[in-house]
C-alpha atoms as a PDB file:
ATOM      1  CA  UNK A   1       0.000   0.000   0.000  1.00  0.00           C
ATOM      2  CA  UNK A   2       2.874   2.309  -0.843  1.00  0.00           C
ATOM      3  CA  UNK A   3       1.525   5.347  -2.663  1.00  0.00           C
ATOM      4  CA  UNK A   4      -2.079   5.086  -1.527  1.00  0.00           C
ATOM      5  CA  UNK A   5      -3.928   7.894   0.119  1.00  0.00           C
ATOM      6  CA  UNK A   6      -5.232   7.054   3.615  1.00  0.00           C
ATOM      7  CA  UNK A   7      -8.838   6.730   2.438  1.00  0.00           C
ATOM      8  CA  UNK A   8      -7.932   4.132  -0.204  1.00  0.00           C
ATOM      9  CA  UNK A   9      -5.770   2.261   2.320  1.00  0.00           C
ATOM     10  CA  UNK A  10      -8.811   2.192   4.629  1.00  0.00           C
ATOM     11  CA  UNK A  11     -10.875   0.542   1.874  1.00  0.00           C
ATOM     12  CA  UNK A  12      -8.235  -2.163   1.511  1.00  0.00           C
ATOM     13  CA  UNK A  13      -8.334  -2.801   5.258  1.00  0.00           C
ATOM     14  CA  UNK A  14     -12.146  -3.005   5.225  1.00  0.00           C
ATOM     15  CA  UNK A  15     -12.173  -5.381   2.240  1.00  0.00           C
ATOM     16  CA  UNK A  16      -9.536  -7.629   3.806  1.00  0.00           C
ATOM     17  CA  UNK A  17     -11.494  -7.728   7.064  1.00  0.00           C
ATOM     18  CA  UNK A  18     -14.779  -8.605   5.351  1.00  0.00           C
ATOM     19  CA  UNK A  19     -13.076 -11.415   3.445  1.00  0.00           C
ATOM     20  CA  UNK A  20     -11.228 -12.797   6.478  1.00  0.00           C
ATOM     21  CA  UNK A  21     -14.237 -12.740   8.820  1.00  0.00           C
ATOM     22  CA  UNK A  22     -15.949 -15.550   6.931  1.00  0.00           C
ATOM     23  CA  UNK A  23     -13.038 -17.019   4.981  1.00  0.00           C
ATOM     24  CA  UNK A  24     -14.539 -15.908   1.658  1.00  0.00           C
ATOM     25  CA  UNK A  25     -12.720 -16.087  -1.647  1.00  0.00           C
ATOM     26  CA  UNK A  26     -13.096 -12.348  -2.094  1.00  0.00           C
ATOM     27  CA  UNK A  27     -13.940  -9.222  -0.185  1.00  0.00           C
ATOM     28  CA  UNK A  28     -14.530  -5.675  -1.337  1.00  0.00           C
ATOM     29  CA  UNK A  29     -15.130  -2.169  -0.105  1.00  0.00           C
ATOM     30  CA  UNK A  30     -16.393   1.002  -1.746  1.00  0.00           C
ATOM     31  CA  UNK A  31     -16.499   4.685  -0.819  1.00  0.00           C
ATOM     32  CA  UNK A  32     -19.541   6.664  -1.914  1.00  0.00           C
ATOM     33  CA  UNK A  33     -19.776  10.267  -3.059  1.00  0.00           C
ATOM     34  CA  UNK A  34     -20.153  11.438   0.556  1.00  0.00           C
ATOM     35  CA  UNK A  35     -17.141   9.499   1.833  1.00  0.00           C
ATOM     36  CA  UNK A  36     -19.172   6.746   3.508  1.00  0.00           C
ATOM     37  CA  UNK A  37     -17.706   3.248   3.250  1.00  0.00           C
ATOM     38  CA  UNK A  38     -19.314  -0.145   2.720  1.00  0.00           C
ATOM     39  CA  UNK A  39     -17.674  -3.576   2.767  1.00  0.00           C
ATOM     40  CA  UNK A  40     -18.804  -7.049   1.831  1.00  0.00           C
ATOM     41  CA  UNK A  41     -17.588 -10.580   1.214  1.00  0.00           C
ATOM     42  CA  UNK A  42     -18.686 -13.185  -1.312  1.00  0.00           C
ATOM     43  CA  UNK A  43     -22.043 -14.812  -0.499  1.00  0.00           C
ATOM     44  CA  UNK A  44     -22.731 -18.278  -1.874  1.00  0.00           C
ATOM     45  CA  UNK A  45     -26.077 -19.709  -0.863  1.00  0.00           C
ATOM     46  CA  UNK A  46     -28.158 -22.158  -2.871  1.00  0.00           C
ATOM     47  CA  UNK A  47     -30.450 -19.379  -4.099  1.00  0.00           C
ATOM     48  CA  UNK A  48     -28.192 -16.310  -3.771  1.00  0.00           C
ATOM     49  CA  UNK A  49     -24.723 -15.611  -5.151  1.00  0.00           C
ATOM     50  CA  UNK A  50     -23.061 -12.217  -4.805  1.00  0.00           C
ATOM     51  CA  UNK A  51     -19.453 -11.179  -5.094  1.00  0.00           C
ATOM     52  CA  UNK A  52     -18.004  -9.048  -2.331  1.00  0.00           C
ATOM     53  CA  UNK A  53     -18.080  -6.074  -4.702  1.00  0.00           C
ATOM     54  CA  UNK A  54     -21.735  -6.615  -5.595  1.00  0.00           C
ATOM     55  CA  UNK A  55     -22.622  -6.832  -1.902  1.00  0.00           C
ATOM     56  CA  UNK A  56     -20.698  -3.683  -0.981  1.00  0.00           C
ATOM     57  CA  UNK A  57     -22.375  -1.761  -3.806  1.00  0.00           C
ATOM     58  CA  UNK A  58     -25.805  -3.108  -2.865  1.00  0.00           C
ATOM     59  CA  UNK A  59     -25.245  -1.837   0.671  1.00  0.00           C
ATOM     60  CA  UNK A  60     -24.248   1.581  -0.672  1.00  0.00           C
ATOM     61  CA  UNK A  61     -27.366   1.772  -2.841  1.00  0.00           C
ATOM     62  CA  UNK A  62     -29.556   0.668   0.088  1.00  0.00           C
ATOM     63  CA  UNK A  63     -28.050   3.487   2.167  1.00  0.00           C
ATOM     64  CA  UNK A  64     -28.917   6.067  -0.498  1.00  0.00           C
ATOM     65  CA  UNK A  65     -25.582   6.456  -2.290  1.00  0.00           C
ATOM     66  CA  UNK A  66     -25.846   8.016  -5.721  1.00  0.00           C
ATOM     67  CA  UNK A  67     -22.191   7.763  -6.742  1.00  0.00           C
ATOM     68  CA  UNK A  68     -18.828   6.213  -5.936  1.00  0.00           C
ATOM     69  CA  UNK A  69     -15.329   7.591  -5.438  1.00  0.00           C
ATOM     70  CA  UNK A  70     -13.347   4.340  -5.296  1.00  0.00           C
ATOM     71  CA  UNK A  71     -13.712   0.555  -5.093  1.00  0.00           C
ATOM     72  CA  UNK A  72     -11.356  -2.160  -3.822  1.00  0.00           C
ATOM     73  CA  UNK A  73     -11.483  -5.897  -4.466  1.00  0.00           C
ATOM     74  CA  UNK A  74      -9.318  -8.287  -2.436  1.00  0.00           C
ATOM     75  CA  UNK A  75      -8.730 -11.870  -3.445  1.00  0.00           C
ATOM     76  CA  UNK A  76     -10.523 -12.195  -6.791  1.00  0.00           C
ATOM     77  CA  UNK A  77      -8.592 -10.710  -9.658  1.00  0.00           C
ATOM     78  CA  UNK A  78     -11.390 -11.687 -12.061  1.00  0.00           C
ATOM     79  CA  UNK A  79     -14.123  -9.822 -10.216  1.00  0.00           C
ATOM     80  CA  UNK A  80     -16.954  -8.453 -12.334  1.00  0.00           C
ATOM     81  CA  UNK A  81     -16.695  -4.677 -12.040  1.00  0.00           C
ATOM     82  CA  UNK A  82     -19.657  -3.540 -14.172  1.00  0.00           C
ATOM     83  CA  UNK A  83     -21.600  -2.758 -10.996  1.00  0.00           C
ATOM     84  CA  UNK A  84     -19.057  -0.019 -10.179  1.00  0.00           C
ATOM     85  CA  UNK A  85     -19.871   1.730 -13.451  1.00  0.00           C
ATOM     86  CA  UNK A  86     -23.608   1.202 -12.846  1.00  0.00           C
ATOM     87  CA  UNK A  87     -23.488   3.274  -9.667  1.00  0.00           C
ATOM     88  CA  UNK A  88     -20.411   5.445 -10.132  1.00  0.00           C
ATOM     89  CA  UNK A  89     -20.242   6.015 -13.867  1.00  0.00           C
ATOM     90  CA  UNK A  90     -17.062   5.817 -15.930  1.00  0.00           C
ATOM     91  CA  UNK A  91     -13.592   6.506 -14.559  1.00  0.00           C
ATOM     92  CA  UNK A  92     -14.045   5.265 -10.979  1.00  0.00           C
ATOM     93  CA  UNK A  93     -10.761   3.721  -9.753  1.00  0.00           C
ATOM     94  CA  UNK A  94     -10.911   0.030  -8.852  1.00  0.00           C
ATOM     95  CA  UNK A  95      -7.956  -1.374  -6.917  1.00  0.00           C
ATOM     96  CA  UNK A  96      -7.510  -5.132  -7.248  1.00  0.00           C
ATOM     97  CA  UNK A  97      -5.465  -6.479  -4.338  1.00  0.00           C
ATOM     98  CA  UNK A  98      -3.881  -9.722  -3.199  1.00  0.00           C
ATOM     99  CA  UNK A  99      -4.928 -11.242   0.111  1.00  0.00           C
ATOM    100  CA  UNK A 100      -2.100  -9.383   1.877  1.00  0.00           C
ATOM    101  CA  UNK A 101      -3.485  -6.042   0.676  1.00  0.00           C
ATOM    102  CA  UNK A 102      -0.841  -5.353  -1.949  1.00  0.00           C
ATOM    103  CA  UNK A 103      -2.274  -3.651  -5.017  1.00  0.00           C
ATOM    104  CA  UNK A 104      -1.989  -5.968  -8.017  1.00  0.00           C
ATOM    105  CA  UNK A 105      -3.671  -3.725 -10.563  1.00  0.00           C
ATOM    106  CA  UNK A 106      -5.594  -0.505 -10.949  1.00  0.00           C
ATOM    107  CA  UNK A 107      -8.628  -0.481 -13.205  1.00  0.00           C
ATOM    108  CA  UNK A 108     -11.278   2.072 -14.047  1.00  0.00           C
ATOM    109  CA  UNK A 109     -14.991   1.540 -14.337  1.00  0.00           C
END
């Protein structure tokens, strides 16, 4: 997490914590347009499957968010990121991180 601003580093910490709490394959965190943060981990039930990123964004929408500033995914480098664009529009940074929190790639919605 070398050149990250403190708010992006916080998202990585939240995503790692969400993932670790339940031993999920991926965790994610997002920051909305007001600076509020939401985190989630992959959910795999017989009738419900959500990635950590989808869950974090669903929580943001349920809380009234109308935009995003940044998203982080930990543990799943193939995460579907279309939901970031759906809420945040184009150009939202998406940090894809290894389980240890190191940034593996930087994408944009």
